[in-house]
Amino acid sequence: MPDILSPLPGTFYHAPDPKAEAFKKPGDAVAAEDTIGLVEVMKTFIEVKAEVEGTFDGYVAGNAEPVQAGDTLAKVR
């Protein structure tokens, strides 16, 4: 099962804002360029792209939790 990894250290978010739904839910189809989350670094938000196709299996990293570069953020099957 492919992992989606954090491209850089920061804070990971599942949704574009606190009131919005998560970018993906388990069972959703995923295309290679789909945004699955955001990493915030010094008030700048970087989109995290899936880079693989498949079915979204779920987030590994918690919402609004700190992550390091290379940490697994989500899984796709």
N, C-alpha and C. Protein backbone atom coordinates (compact mmCIF):
# COMPACT_ATOMS: atom_id res chain seq x y z
N MET A 1 0.86 -1.17 0.00
CA MET A 1 0.00 0.00 0.00
C MET A 1 0.90 1.24 0.00
N PRO A 2 0.77 2.11 -1.01
CA PRO A 2 1.63 3.29 -1.09
C PRO A 2 1.34 4.30 0.03
N ASP A 3 2.41 4.88 0.54
CA ASP A 3 2.29 5.92 1.54
C ASP A 3 2.41 7.28 0.87
N ILE A 4 1.69 8.26 1.39
CA ILE A 4 1.87 9.65 0.98
C ILE A 4 2.68 10.29 2.09
N LEU A 5 3.85 10.79 1.73
CA LEU A 5 4.80 11.31 2.71
C LEU A 5 4.82 12.83 2.75
N SER A 6 5.18 13.36 3.89
CA SER A 6 5.30 14.82 4.03
C SER A 6 6.53 15.30 3.28
N PRO A 7 6.37 16.32 2.44
CA PRO A 7 7.52 16.84 1.71
C PRO A 7 8.45 17.71 2.56
N LEU A 8 7.95 18.17 3.71
CA LEU A 8 8.74 19.05 4.56
C LEU A 8 8.17 19.06 5.98
N PRO A 9 8.93 19.55 6.95
CA PRO A 9 8.40 19.64 8.31
C PRO A 9 7.42 20.79 8.45
N GLY A 10 6.43 20.61 9.31
CA GLY A 10 5.44 21.66 9.55
C GLY A 10 4.25 21.09 10.28
N THR A 11 3.09 21.72 10.09
CA THR A 11 1.84 21.25 10.68
C THR A 11 0.95 20.76 9.56
N PHE A 12 0.44 19.53 9.71
CA PHE A 12 -0.38 18.91 8.66
C PHE A 12 -1.85 19.12 8.93
N TYR A 13 -2.58 19.49 7.87
CA TYR A 13 -4.02 19.70 7.96
C TYR A 13 -4.75 18.82 6.95
N HIS A 14 -5.86 18.21 7.38
CA HIS A 14 -6.67 17.35 6.52
C HIS A 14 -7.60 18.16 5.62
N ALA A 15 -7.87 19.42 5.94
CA ALA A 15 -8.86 20.23 5.22
C ALA A 15 -8.30 21.63 4.95
N PRO A 16 -8.89 22.33 3.98
CA PRO A 16 -8.39 23.66 3.64
C PRO A 16 -8.65 24.72 4.72
N ASP A 17 -9.65 24.49 5.57
CA ASP A 17 -9.89 25.38 6.71
C ASP A 17 -10.63 24.58 7.78
N PRO A 18 -10.67 25.09 9.02
CA PRO A 18 -11.24 24.30 10.12
C PRO A 18 -12.70 23.89 9.94
N LYS A 19 -13.48 24.65 9.17
CA LYS A 19 -14.90 24.33 9.01
C LYS A 19 -15.18 23.46 7.79
N ALA A 20 -14.16 23.23 6.96
CA ALA A 20 -14.34 22.46 5.73
C ALA A 20 -14.17 20.96 5.99
N GLU A 21 -14.71 20.17 5.08
CA GLU A 21 -14.52 18.72 5.15
C GLU A 21 -13.09 18.39 4.73
N ALA A 22 -12.64 17.22 5.14
CA ALA A 22 -11.30 16.75 4.77
C ALA A 22 -11.20 16.63 3.25
N PHE A 23 -9.99 16.81 2.72
CA PHE A 23 -9.78 16.68 1.28
C PHE A 23 -10.22 15.31 0.79
N LYS A 24 -9.95 14.26 1.56
CA LYS A 24 -10.31 12.90 1.18
C LYS A 24 -10.88 12.14 2.37
N LYS A 25 -11.78 11.19 2.06
CA LYS A 25 -12.33 10.29 3.07
C LYS A 25 -11.97 8.86 2.66
N PRO A 26 -11.84 7.94 3.61
CA PRO A 26 -11.56 6.56 3.24
C PRO A 26 -12.57 6.06 2.21
N GLY A 27 -12.05 5.41 1.17
CA GLY A 27 -12.89 4.90 0.09
C GLY A 27 -12.95 5.83 -1.11
N ASP A 28 -12.52 7.09 -0.95
CA ASP A 28 -12.53 8.02 -2.08
C ASP A 28 -11.49 7.61 -3.12
N ALA A 29 -11.80 7.86 -4.38
CA ALA A 29 -10.83 7.64 -5.46
C ALA A 29 -9.76 8.71 -5.37
N VAL A 30 -8.53 8.33 -5.70
CA VAL A 30 -7.40 9.26 -5.66
C VAL A 30 -6.71 9.24 -7.02
N ALA A 31 -6.49 10.42 -7.59
CA ALA A 31 -5.71 10.57 -8.81
C ALA A 31 -4.33 11.10 -8.40
N ALA A 32 -3.36 10.95 -9.28
CA ALA A 32 -1.98 11.29 -8.94
C ALA A 32 -1.79 12.75 -8.53
N GLU A 33 -2.58 13.66 -9.03
CA GLU A 33 -2.39 15.08 -8.70
C GLU A 33 -3.40 15.60 -7.68
N ASP A 34 -4.18 14.73 -7.07
CA ASP A 34 -5.16 15.17 -6.07
C ASP A 34 -4.47 15.69 -4.82
N THR A 35 -4.99 16.80 -4.29
CA THR A 35 -4.51 17.33 -3.02
C THR A 35 -5.16 16.52 -1.90
N ILE A 36 -4.33 16.02 -0.97
CA ILE A 36 -4.87 15.23 0.14
C ILE A 36 -4.73 15.97 1.47
N GLY A 37 -3.98 17.07 1.47
CA GLY A 37 -3.78 17.81 2.70
C GLY A 37 -2.89 19.02 2.48
N LEU A 38 -2.62 19.73 3.56
CA LEU A 38 -1.77 20.91 3.52
C LEU A 38 -0.74 20.80 4.64
N VAL A 39 0.48 21.25 4.35
CA VAL A 39 1.49 21.38 5.38
C VAL A 39 1.77 22.87 5.53
N GLU A 40 1.63 23.37 6.76
CA GLU A 40 1.89 24.79 7.02
C GLU A 40 3.30 24.95 7.58
N VAL A 41 4.03 25.87 6.96
CA VAL A 41 5.36 26.21 7.42
C VAL A 41 5.43 27.73 7.47
N MET A 42 5.59 28.29 8.66
CA MET A 42 5.72 29.74 8.84
C MET A 42 4.61 30.51 8.11
N LYS A 43 3.35 30.11 8.34
CA LYS A 43 2.16 30.76 7.79
C LYS A 43 2.00 30.59 6.28
N THR A 44 2.79 29.70 5.68
CA THR A 44 2.65 29.38 4.27
C THR A 44 2.11 27.96 4.17
N PHE A 45 1.08 27.76 3.34
CA PHE A 45 0.45 26.45 3.20
C PHE A 45 0.88 25.82 1.88
N ILE A 46 1.43 24.61 1.99
CA ILE A 46 1.89 23.87 0.83
C ILE A 46 0.96 22.68 0.62
N GLU A 47 0.41 22.56 -0.60
CA GLU A 47 -0.47 21.44 -0.91
C GLU A 47 0.35 20.15 -0.96
N VAL A 48 -0.20 19.09 -0.39
CA VAL A 48 0.40 17.77 -0.49
C VAL A 48 -0.40 16.99 -1.52
N LYS A 49 0.26 16.57 -2.60
CA LYS A 49 -0.38 15.83 -3.69
C LYS A 49 -0.18 14.33 -3.48
N ALA A 50 -1.13 13.55 -3.96
CA ALA A 50 -1.09 12.10 -3.77
C ALA A 50 0.10 11.45 -4.49
N GLU A 51 0.39 11.84 -5.71
CA GLU A 51 1.46 11.28 -6.55
C GLU A 51 1.24 9.82 -6.94
N VAL A 52 0.15 9.20 -6.49
CA VAL A 52 -0.21 7.83 -6.88
C VAL A 52 -1.71 7.79 -7.12
N GLU A 53 -2.15 6.77 -7.86
CA GLU A 53 -3.59 6.58 -8.07
C GLU A 53 -4.05 5.39 -7.26
N GLY A 54 -5.31 5.42 -6.86
CA GLY A 54 -5.87 4.30 -6.12
C GLY A 54 -7.07 4.73 -5.32
N THR A 55 -7.26 4.07 -4.19
CA THR A 55 -8.36 4.36 -3.28
C THR A 55 -7.78 4.85 -1.97
N PHE A 56 -8.30 5.97 -1.49
CA PHE A 56 -7.80 6.55 -0.24
C PHE A 56 -8.12 5.62 0.92
N ASP A 57 -7.09 5.25 1.69
CA ASP A 57 -7.27 4.31 2.79
C ASP A 57 -7.40 5.04 4.13
N GLY A 58 -6.93 6.27 4.20
CA GLY A 58 -7.08 7.05 5.43
C GLY A 58 -5.82 7.81 5.79
N TYR A 59 -6.01 8.76 6.69
CA TYR A 59 -4.90 9.57 7.19
C TYR A 59 -4.17 8.81 8.29
N VAL A 60 -2.87 8.94 8.31
CA VAL A 60 -2.03 8.39 9.38
C VAL A 60 -1.70 9.51 10.36
N ALA A 61 -1.30 10.66 9.81
CA ALA A 61 -0.99 11.82 10.63
C ALA A 61 -2.28 12.49 11.08
N GLY A 62 -2.32 12.93 12.32
CA GLY A 62 -3.49 13.61 12.84
C GLY A 62 -3.65 15.00 12.27
N ASN A 63 -4.89 15.48 12.26
CA ASN A 63 -5.17 16.83 11.79
C ASN A 63 -4.56 17.86 12.74
N ALA A 64 -3.92 18.87 12.17
CA ALA A 64 -3.29 19.96 12.93
C ALA A 64 -2.16 19.46 13.83
N GLU A 65 -1.53 18.35 13.41
CA GLU A 65 -0.43 17.78 14.17
C GLU A 65 0.90 18.10 13.48
N PRO A 66 1.96 18.25 14.27
CA PRO A 66 3.28 18.48 13.67
C PRO A 66 3.78 17.23 12.96
N VAL A 67 4.45 17.44 11.82
CA VAL A 67 5.05 16.35 11.06
C VAL A 67 6.46 16.74 10.65
N GLN A 68 7.25 15.74 10.36
CA GLN A 68 8.60 15.94 9.86
C GLN A 68 8.65 15.52 8.40
N ALA A 69 9.64 16.00 7.67
CA ALA A 69 9.82 15.58 6.29
C ALA A 69 9.99 14.07 6.25
N GLY A 70 9.24 13.42 5.37
CA GLY A 70 9.32 11.97 5.23
C GLY A 70 8.32 11.20 6.08
N ASP A 71 7.62 11.87 7.01
CA ASP A 71 6.60 11.20 7.81
C ASP A 71 5.45 10.76 6.91
N THR A 72 4.85 9.62 7.21
CA THR A 72 3.67 9.15 6.49
C THR A 72 2.47 9.98 6.90
N LEU A 73 1.81 10.59 5.91
CA LEU A 73 0.62 11.41 6.17
C LEU A 73 -0.67 10.62 5.93
N ALA A 74 -0.67 9.79 4.89
CA ALA A 74 -1.88 9.04 4.52
C ALA A 74 -1.46 7.81 3.71
N LYS A 75 -2.45 6.92 3.54
CA LYS A 75 -2.21 5.70 2.78
C LYS A 75 -3.23 5.59 1.65
N VAL A 76 -2.76 5.03 0.53
CA VAL A 76 -3.60 4.78 -0.64
C VAL A 76 -3.44 3.30 -0.99
N ARG A 77 -4.54 2.66 -1.33
CA ARG A 77 -4.43 1.24 -1.77
C ARG A 77 -4.90 1.12 -3.20
